[in-house]
Amino acid sequence: MPDDRMSRGYSRSRERDEAVRASLVPLEPGERPRAVTVAAIVSAILGTLLLVRLVVGDEGQENETTGIVLFAAVLFLAAAGMWKAQYWAVLGFQFFLGLTLVFAAVSLMFAGNLLAVVYCVVILGLAGTLFWFLVKAMARIQMPKVKRPE
């Protein structure tokens, strides 16, 4: 009996998956989903802010220069790839968003004051929302390209 219920559950799940796939609209040539555009802009802004931090400087920052430049370069590379609606770039940026969500959630558990709690909740809300919308955008990016009739 349990196997029968499990197979029915899998069957319903497959049906829902197929319905969602059928509802997806392939990207037109040159089209970029709005969430990917937002992610590309966010990535470019974060990379710029890292470089500004490097130029403005902090005490004890001397050992971090290579890491900051490298991470800024990765963010700019992701921004350029997402601007071209490349799957690998969106996937890589989602990896960083996922890490951000984990660190913000763990930081929330150890927040020492109300301001820290607010920062963590805002980061979780913004990064989580962008992550959520990028999932559907990635599905559309993976779909076969639409061929225009000539």
N, C-alpha and C. Protein backbone atom coordinates (compact mmCIF):
# COMPACT_ATOMS: atom_id res chain seq x y z
N MET A 1 0.80 -1.20 0.00
CA MET A 1 0.00 0.00 0.00
C MET A 1 0.85 1.27 0.00
N PRO A 2 1.92 1.34 0.82
CA PRO A 2 2.72 2.58 0.82
C PRO A 2 3.37 2.85 -0.54
N ASP A 3 3.75 1.76 -1.25
CA ASP A 3 4.37 1.96 -2.56
C ASP A 3 3.38 2.56 -3.55
N ASP A 4 2.12 2.16 -3.44
CA ASP A 4 1.08 2.69 -4.31
C ASP A 4 0.88 4.18 -4.07
N ARG A 5 0.83 4.57 -2.80
CA ARG A 5 0.67 6.00 -2.48
C ARG A 5 1.87 6.79 -2.96
N MET A 6 3.06 6.22 -2.81
CA MET A 6 4.28 6.91 -3.22
C MET A 6 4.29 7.09 -4.74
N SER A 7 3.91 6.05 -5.47
CA SER A 7 3.91 6.18 -6.93
C SER A 7 2.86 7.19 -7.40
N ARG A 8 1.69 7.25 -6.71
CA ARG A 8 0.69 8.26 -7.05
C ARG A 8 1.23 9.66 -6.78
N GLY A 9 1.95 9.81 -5.65
CA GLY A 9 2.55 11.10 -5.32
C GLY A 9 3.56 11.53 -6.37
N TYR A 10 4.41 10.57 -6.80
CA TYR A 10 5.39 10.89 -7.84
C TYR A 10 4.69 11.24 -9.15
N SER A 11 3.61 10.52 -9.44
CA SER A 11 2.87 10.79 -10.67
C SER A 11 2.28 12.20 -10.66
N ARG A 12 1.68 12.59 -9.54
CA ARG A 12 1.12 13.95 -9.44
C ARG A 12 2.23 14.99 -9.54
N SER A 13 3.37 14.70 -8.92
CA SER A 13 4.50 15.63 -8.98
C SER A 13 4.99 15.80 -10.41
N ARG A 14 5.09 14.69 -11.14
CA ARG A 14 5.52 14.76 -12.55
C ARG A 14 4.52 15.56 -13.39
N GLU A 15 3.24 15.37 -13.11
CA GLU A 15 2.21 16.12 -13.83
C GLU A 15 2.34 17.62 -13.58
N ARG A 16 2.56 17.99 -12.32
CA ARG A 16 2.75 19.41 -12.00
C ARG A 16 3.99 19.96 -12.68
N ASP A 17 5.08 19.18 -12.66
CA ASP A 17 6.31 19.63 -13.32
C ASP A 17 6.07 19.86 -14.81
N GLU A 18 5.38 18.94 -15.45
CA GLU A 18 5.11 19.08 -16.88
C GLU A 18 4.22 20.29 -17.16
N ALA A 19 3.25 20.54 -16.28
CA ALA A 19 2.38 21.71 -16.46
C ALA A 19 3.17 23.00 -16.34
N VAL A 20 4.08 23.05 -15.38
CA VAL A 20 4.92 24.25 -15.21
C VAL A 20 5.82 24.43 -16.42
N ARG A 21 6.45 23.35 -16.88
CA ARG A 21 7.32 23.45 -18.07
C ARG A 21 6.54 23.92 -19.30
N ALA A 22 5.31 23.42 -19.43
CA ALA A 22 4.50 23.82 -20.59
C ALA A 22 4.11 25.29 -20.53
N SER A 23 4.03 25.85 -19.32
CA SER A 23 3.63 27.25 -19.18
C SER A 23 4.79 28.23 -19.41
N LEU A 24 6.02 27.71 -19.41
CA LEU A 24 7.17 28.59 -19.62
C LEU A 24 7.24 29.05 -21.07
N VAL A 25 7.55 30.31 -21.23
CA VAL A 25 7.68 30.89 -22.57
C VAL A 25 9.18 31.01 -22.87
N PRO A 26 9.64 30.42 -23.97
CA PRO A 26 11.06 30.53 -24.31
C PRO A 26 11.47 31.99 -24.52
N LEU A 27 12.72 32.27 -24.30
CA LEU A 27 13.25 33.62 -24.52
C LEU A 27 13.31 33.91 -26.01
N GLU A 28 12.93 35.11 -26.34
CA GLU A 28 13.10 35.58 -27.71
C GLU A 28 14.59 35.88 -27.90
N PRO A 29 15.08 35.86 -29.13
CA PRO A 29 16.48 36.22 -29.35
C PRO A 29 16.78 37.61 -28.80
N GLY A 30 17.80 37.72 -27.99
CA GLY A 30 18.18 38.99 -27.40
C GLY A 30 17.40 39.36 -26.15
N GLU A 31 16.41 38.54 -25.77
CA GLU A 31 15.61 38.85 -24.58
C GLU A 31 16.36 38.44 -23.32
N ARG A 32 16.14 39.20 -22.27
CA ARG A 32 16.73 38.91 -20.96
C ARG A 32 15.64 39.07 -19.92
N PRO A 33 15.41 38.05 -19.09
CA PRO A 33 14.37 38.18 -18.06
C PRO A 33 14.68 39.34 -17.11
N ARG A 34 13.64 39.97 -16.60
CA ARG A 34 13.80 41.12 -15.71
C ARG A 34 14.64 40.77 -14.48
N ALA A 35 14.43 39.59 -13.90
CA ALA A 35 15.20 39.20 -12.71
C ALA A 35 16.69 39.09 -13.02
N VAL A 36 17.01 38.63 -14.21
CA VAL A 36 18.42 38.52 -14.61
C VAL A 36 19.01 39.91 -14.81
N THR A 37 18.24 40.83 -15.36
CA THR A 37 18.70 42.21 -15.51
C THR A 37 18.98 42.83 -14.14
N VAL A 38 18.06 42.63 -13.20
CA VAL A 38 18.25 43.16 -11.84
C VAL A 38 19.49 42.53 -11.21
N ALA A 39 19.65 41.22 -11.37
CA ALA A 39 20.82 40.55 -10.80
C ALA A 39 22.12 41.06 -11.41
N ALA A 40 22.12 41.32 -12.71
CA ALA A 40 23.33 41.84 -13.37
C ALA A 40 23.68 43.21 -12.82
N ILE A 41 22.68 44.05 -12.63
CA ILE A 41 22.92 45.39 -12.09
C ILE A 41 23.42 45.31 -10.65
N VAL A 42 22.79 44.44 -9.85
CA VAL A 42 23.22 44.26 -8.46
C VAL A 42 24.65 43.77 -8.40
N SER A 43 24.99 42.82 -9.25
CA SER A 43 26.35 42.29 -9.27
C SER A 43 27.37 43.37 -9.65
N ALA A 44 27.04 44.19 -10.64
CA ALA A 44 27.95 45.28 -11.04
C ALA A 44 28.09 46.31 -9.92
N ILE A 45 26.99 46.64 -9.25
CA ILE A 45 27.05 47.60 -8.15
C ILE A 45 27.90 47.06 -7.01
N LEU A 46 27.71 45.78 -6.65
CA LEU A 46 28.51 45.20 -5.57
C LEU A 46 29.99 45.17 -5.92
N GLY A 47 30.31 44.83 -7.17
CA GLY A 47 31.71 44.85 -7.59
C GLY A 47 32.30 46.25 -7.51
N THR A 48 31.53 47.24 -7.92
CA THR A 48 31.98 48.63 -7.85
C THR A 48 32.19 49.06 -6.40
N LEU A 49 31.25 48.70 -5.53
CA LEU A 49 31.39 49.05 -4.11
C LEU A 49 32.63 48.41 -3.49
N LEU A 50 32.94 47.19 -3.90
CA LEU A 50 34.16 46.56 -3.39
C LEU A 50 35.41 47.34 -3.81
N LEU A 51 35.43 47.77 -5.07
CA LEU A 51 36.60 48.53 -5.54
C LEU A 51 36.67 49.91 -4.87
N VAL A 52 35.52 50.52 -4.64
CA VAL A 52 35.51 51.80 -3.94
C VAL A 52 36.04 51.61 -2.52
N ARG A 53 35.63 50.53 -1.87
CA ARG A 53 36.14 50.24 -0.52
C ARG A 53 37.66 50.07 -0.54
N LEU A 54 38.14 49.45 -1.60
CA LEU A 54 39.58 49.24 -1.72
C LEU A 54 40.31 50.58 -1.88
N VAL A 55 39.76 51.47 -2.69
CA VAL A 55 40.38 52.78 -2.93
C VAL A 55 40.31 53.65 -1.68
N VAL A 56 39.12 53.69 -1.05
CA VAL A 56 38.95 54.51 0.15
C VAL A 56 39.81 53.97 1.27
N GLY A 57 39.84 52.66 1.41
CA GLY A 57 40.72 52.02 2.37
C GLY A 57 40.16 51.91 3.76
N ASP A 58 40.68 50.95 4.46
CA ASP A 58 40.38 50.67 5.86
C ASP A 58 41.69 50.34 6.55
N GLU A 59 41.71 50.51 7.85
CA GLU A 59 42.89 50.06 8.58
C GLU A 59 42.91 48.54 8.57
N GLY A 60 44.07 47.97 8.37
CA GLY A 60 44.21 46.53 8.36
C GLY A 60 43.72 45.87 7.08
N GLN A 61 43.57 46.63 6.02
CA GLN A 61 43.04 46.10 4.77
C GLN A 61 44.15 45.61 3.84
N GLU A 62 45.38 45.84 4.19
CA GLU A 62 46.49 45.52 3.28
C GLU A 62 46.49 44.06 2.84
N ASN A 63 46.13 43.15 3.74
CA ASN A 63 46.17 41.73 3.41
C ASN A 63 44.96 41.29 2.59
N GLU A 64 43.95 42.15 2.44
CA GLU A 64 42.72 41.78 1.77
C GLU A 64 42.67 42.24 0.32
N THR A 65 43.66 42.97 -0.15
CA THR A 65 43.60 43.58 -1.47
C THR A 65 43.38 42.55 -2.57
N THR A 66 44.13 41.48 -2.58
CA THR A 66 44.00 40.47 -3.63
C THR A 66 42.61 39.85 -3.62
N GLY A 67 42.11 39.51 -2.45
CA GLY A 67 40.79 38.91 -2.34
C GLY A 67 39.69 39.85 -2.81
N ILE A 68 39.80 41.12 -2.46
CA ILE A 68 38.79 42.10 -2.86
C ILE A 68 38.79 42.27 -4.38
N VAL A 69 39.97 42.41 -4.97
CA VAL A 69 40.06 42.57 -6.42
C VAL A 69 39.55 41.32 -7.13
N LEU A 70 39.90 40.15 -6.63
CA LEU A 70 39.45 38.91 -7.24
C LEU A 70 37.94 38.76 -7.16
N PHE A 71 37.36 39.05 -6.00
CA PHE A 71 35.92 38.92 -5.84
C PHE A 71 35.19 39.96 -6.69
N ALA A 72 35.73 41.17 -6.77
CA ALA A 72 35.12 42.20 -7.62
C ALA A 72 35.16 41.75 -9.09
N ALA A 73 36.27 41.14 -9.51
CA ALA A 73 36.38 40.66 -10.88
C ALA A 73 35.34 39.56 -11.16
N VAL A 74 35.13 38.68 -10.20
CA VAL A 74 34.12 37.62 -10.35
C VAL A 74 32.73 38.24 -10.47
N LEU A 75 32.46 39.26 -9.65
CA LEU A 75 31.15 39.92 -9.72
C LEU A 75 30.95 40.63 -11.06
N PHE A 76 31.99 41.26 -11.57
CA PHE A 76 31.88 41.92 -12.89
C PHE A 76 31.71 40.88 -14.00
N LEU A 77 32.40 39.75 -13.89
CA LEU A 77 32.26 38.68 -14.87
C LEU A 77 30.83 38.13 -14.84
N ALA A 78 30.30 37.93 -13.64
CA ALA A 78 28.91 37.46 -13.51
C ALA A 78 27.95 38.48 -14.08
N ALA A 79 28.18 39.75 -13.81
CA ALA A 79 27.30 40.81 -14.33
C ALA A 79 27.31 40.80 -15.86
N ALA A 80 28.48 40.68 -16.45
CA ALA A 80 28.57 40.66 -17.92
C ALA A 80 27.88 39.42 -18.48
N GLY A 81 28.08 38.27 -17.85
CA GLY A 81 27.43 37.05 -18.31
C GLY A 81 25.92 37.11 -18.17
N MET A 82 25.45 37.67 -17.06
CA MET A 82 24.00 37.78 -16.88
C MET A 82 23.40 38.79 -17.85
N TRP A 83 24.15 39.83 -18.17
CA TRP A 83 23.65 40.81 -19.13
C TRP A 83 23.40 40.16 -20.48
N LYS A 84 24.20 39.12 -20.77
CA LYS A 84 24.01 38.37 -22.02
C LYS A 84 23.09 37.17 -21.82
N ALA A 85 22.47 37.07 -20.63
CA ALA A 85 21.54 35.98 -20.29
C ALA A 85 22.20 34.61 -20.41
N GLN A 86 23.41 34.51 -19.89
CA GLN A 86 24.13 33.24 -19.89
C GLN A 86 23.77 32.43 -18.64
N TYR A 87 23.44 31.17 -18.84
CA TYR A 87 23.01 30.31 -17.75
C TYR A 87 24.08 30.18 -16.67
N TRP A 88 25.34 29.98 -17.07
CA TRP A 88 26.42 29.78 -16.11
C TRP A 88 26.57 30.99 -15.19
N ALA A 89 26.35 32.17 -15.71
CA ALA A 89 26.49 33.39 -14.90
C ALA A 89 25.37 33.49 -13.87
N VAL A 90 24.16 33.17 -14.29
CA VAL A 90 23.03 33.21 -13.36
C VAL A 90 23.22 32.15 -12.28
N LEU A 91 23.66 30.97 -12.68
CA LEU A 91 23.89 29.90 -11.71
C LEU A 91 24.98 30.28 -10.71
N GLY A 92 26.05 30.87 -11.18
CA GLY A 92 27.12 31.31 -10.29
C GLY A 92 26.66 32.39 -9.34
N PHE A 93 25.87 33.34 -9.84
CA PHE A 93 25.37 34.40 -8.98
C PHE A 93 24.41 33.83 -7.95
N GLN A 94 23.62 32.84 -8.35
CA GLN A 94 22.71 32.22 -7.39
C GLN A 94 23.50 31.49 -6.30
N PHE A 95 24.64 30.94 -6.65
CA PHE A 95 25.50 30.32 -5.64
C PHE A 95 25.90 31.36 -4.59
N PHE A 96 26.33 32.54 -5.04
CA PHE A 96 26.70 33.59 -4.10
C PHE A 96 25.49 34.08 -3.30
N LEU A 97 24.33 34.16 -3.93
CA LEU A 97 23.12 34.53 -3.20
C LEU A 97 22.80 33.48 -2.14
N GLY A 98 22.97 32.21 -2.49
CA GLY A 98 22.72 31.14 -1.52
C GLY A 98 23.65 31.24 -0.32
N LEU A 99 24.93 31.50 -0.58
CA LEU A 99 25.88 31.70 0.52
C LEU A 99 25.50 32.90 1.37
N THR A 100 25.08 33.96 0.72
CA THR A 100 24.65 35.15 1.44
C THR A 100 23.46 34.84 2.34
N LEU A 101 22.51 34.08 1.82
CA LEU A 101 21.35 33.71 2.62
C LEU A 101 21.74 32.87 3.84
N VAL A 102 22.64 31.93 3.64
CA VAL A 102 23.09 31.09 4.77
C VAL A 102 23.80 31.94 5.82
N PHE A 103 24.73 32.79 5.38
CA PHE A 103 25.46 33.61 6.34
C PHE A 103 24.54 34.60 7.06
N ALA A 104 23.57 35.16 6.34
CA ALA A 104 22.64 36.09 6.99
C ALA A 104 21.76 35.37 8.00
N ALA A 105 21.33 34.16 7.68
CA ALA A 105 20.50 33.40 8.61
C ALA A 105 21.28 33.01 9.86
N VAL A 106 22.51 32.59 9.67
CA VAL A 106 23.34 32.24 10.83
C VAL A 106 23.66 33.49 11.65
N SER A 107 23.94 34.59 10.97
CA SER A 107 24.22 35.85 11.67
C SER A 107 23.00 36.31 12.45
N LEU A 108 21.83 36.06 11.93
CA LEU A 108 20.60 36.45 12.63
C LEU A 108 20.48 35.72 13.97
N MET A 109 20.94 34.49 14.00
CA MET A 109 20.88 33.73 15.25
C MET A 109 21.78 34.32 16.33
N PHE A 110 22.83 35.00 15.91
CA PHE A 110 23.79 35.54 16.86
C PHE A 110 23.78 37.06 16.92
N ALA A 111 22.73 37.67 16.35
CA ALA A 111 22.65 39.14 16.33
C ALA A 111 22.62 39.68 17.76
N GLY A 112 23.47 40.67 18.00
CA GLY A 112 23.60 41.21 19.35
C GLY A 112 22.73 42.42 19.65
N ASN A 113 22.17 43.03 18.62
CA ASN A 113 21.32 44.21 18.84
C ASN A 113 20.27 44.30 17.74
N LEU A 114 19.38 45.23 17.88
CA LEU A 114 18.26 45.37 16.94
C LEU A 114 18.74 45.75 15.54
N LEU A 115 19.77 46.59 15.45
CA LEU A 115 20.27 46.98 14.13
C LEU A 115 20.81 45.77 13.37
N ALA A 116 21.52 44.89 14.06
CA ALA A 116 22.03 43.67 13.42
C ALA A 116 20.89 42.79 12.94
N VAL A 117 19.83 42.70 13.72
CA VAL A 117 18.66 41.92 13.32
C VAL A 117 18.03 42.52 12.07
N VAL A 118 17.90 43.83 12.04
CA VAL A 118 17.31 44.50 10.87
C VAL A 118 18.17 44.26 9.63
N TYR A 119 19.49 44.40 9.77
CA TYR A 119 20.38 44.14 8.63
C TYR A 119 20.18 42.72 8.10
N CYS A 120 20.18 41.76 8.98
CA CYS A 120 20.04 40.36 8.57
C CYS A 120 18.70 40.11 7.89
N VAL A 121 17.63 40.65 8.45
CA VAL A 121 16.30 40.44 7.88
C VAL A 121 16.20 41.11 6.50
N VAL A 122 16.77 42.30 6.35
CA VAL A 122 16.74 42.98 5.05
C VAL A 122 17.54 42.18 4.03
N ILE A 123 18.71 41.71 4.40
CA ILE A 123 19.53 40.91 3.49
C ILE A 123 18.79 39.63 3.10
N LEU A 124 18.19 38.96 4.08
CA LEU A 124 17.44 37.74 3.79
C LEU A 124 16.27 38.03 2.84
N GLY A 125 15.58 39.12 3.08
CA GLY A 125 14.44 39.47 2.23
C GLY A 125 14.84 39.79 0.80
N LEU A 126 15.86 40.63 0.65
CA LEU A 126 16.28 41.04 -0.69
C LEU A 126 16.94 39.90 -1.46
N ALA A 127 17.89 39.23 -0.81
CA ALA A 127 18.60 38.13 -1.49
C ALA A 127 17.66 36.97 -1.76
N GLY A 128 16.78 36.67 -0.82
CA GLY A 128 15.83 35.57 -1.01
C GLY A 128 14.86 35.84 -2.15
N THR A 129 14.38 37.07 -2.23
CA THR A 129 13.46 37.43 -3.31
C THR A 129 14.15 37.33 -4.67
N LEU A 130 15.36 37.86 -4.77
CA LEU A 130 16.09 37.78 -6.04
C LEU A 130 16.38 36.32 -6.40
N PHE A 131 16.78 35.52 -5.42
CA PHE A 131 17.04 34.10 -5.65
C PHE A 131 15.79 33.43 -6.21
N TRP A 132 14.64 33.69 -5.60
CA TRP A 132 13.38 33.08 -6.00
C TRP A 132 13.05 33.41 -7.46
N PHE A 133 13.17 34.67 -7.83
CA PHE A 133 12.82 35.06 -9.20
C PHE A 133 13.84 34.56 -10.22
N LEU A 134 15.08 34.36 -9.80
CA LEU A 134 16.08 33.86 -10.73
C LEU A 134 15.86 32.39 -11.07
N VAL A 135 15.17 31.64 -10.23
CA VAL A 135 14.93 30.22 -10.51
C VAL A 135 14.11 30.07 -11.79
N LYS A 136 13.00 30.80 -11.91
CA LYS A 136 12.18 30.72 -13.12
C LYS A 136 12.93 31.28 -14.32
N ALA A 137 13.70 32.34 -14.09
CA ALA A 137 14.47 32.92 -15.19
C ALA A 137 15.48 31.91 -15.72
N MET A 138 16.10 31.14 -14.82
CA MET A 138 17.06 30.12 -15.26
C MET A 138 16.37 29.04 -16.08
N ALA A 139 15.15 28.69 -15.69
CA ALA A 139 14.41 27.69 -16.47
C ALA A 139 14.15 28.20 -17.88
N ARG A 140 13.81 29.47 -18.00
CA ARG A 140 13.56 30.05 -19.33
C ARG A 140 14.85 30.13 -20.15
N ILE A 141 15.97 30.43 -19.48
CA ILE A 141 17.25 30.52 -20.19
C ILE A 141 17.64 29.16 -20.75
N GLN A 142 17.31 28.08 -20.02
CA GLN A 142 17.68 26.74 -20.46
C GLN A 142 16.82 26.21 -21.59
N MET A 143 15.67 26.81 -21.81
CA MET A 143 14.76 26.31 -22.85
C MET A 143 15.39 26.49 -24.23
N PRO A 144 14.96 25.66 -25.16
CA PRO A 144 15.46 25.84 -26.53
C PRO A 144 15.09 27.23 -27.05
N LYS A 145 15.97 27.78 -27.83
CA LYS A 145 15.73 29.12 -28.39
C LYS A 145 14.62 29.08 -29.42
N VAL A 146 13.86 30.16 -29.47
CA VAL A 146 12.77 30.28 -30.43
C VAL A 146 13.35 30.64 -31.78
N LYS A 147 12.92 29.91 -32.80
CA LYS A 147 13.37 30.22 -34.16
C LYS A 147 12.29 31.04 -34.83
N ARG A 148 12.67 32.19 -35.30
CA ARG A 148 11.73 33.09 -35.98
C ARG A 148 11.50 32.61 -37.40
N PRO A 149 10.23 32.59 -37.82
CA PRO A 149 9.96 32.23 -39.22
C PRO A 149 10.51 33.30 -40.16
N GLU A 150 11.04 32.87 -41.26
CA GLU A 150 11.62 33.82 -42.21
C GLU A 150 10.76 33.98 -43.42
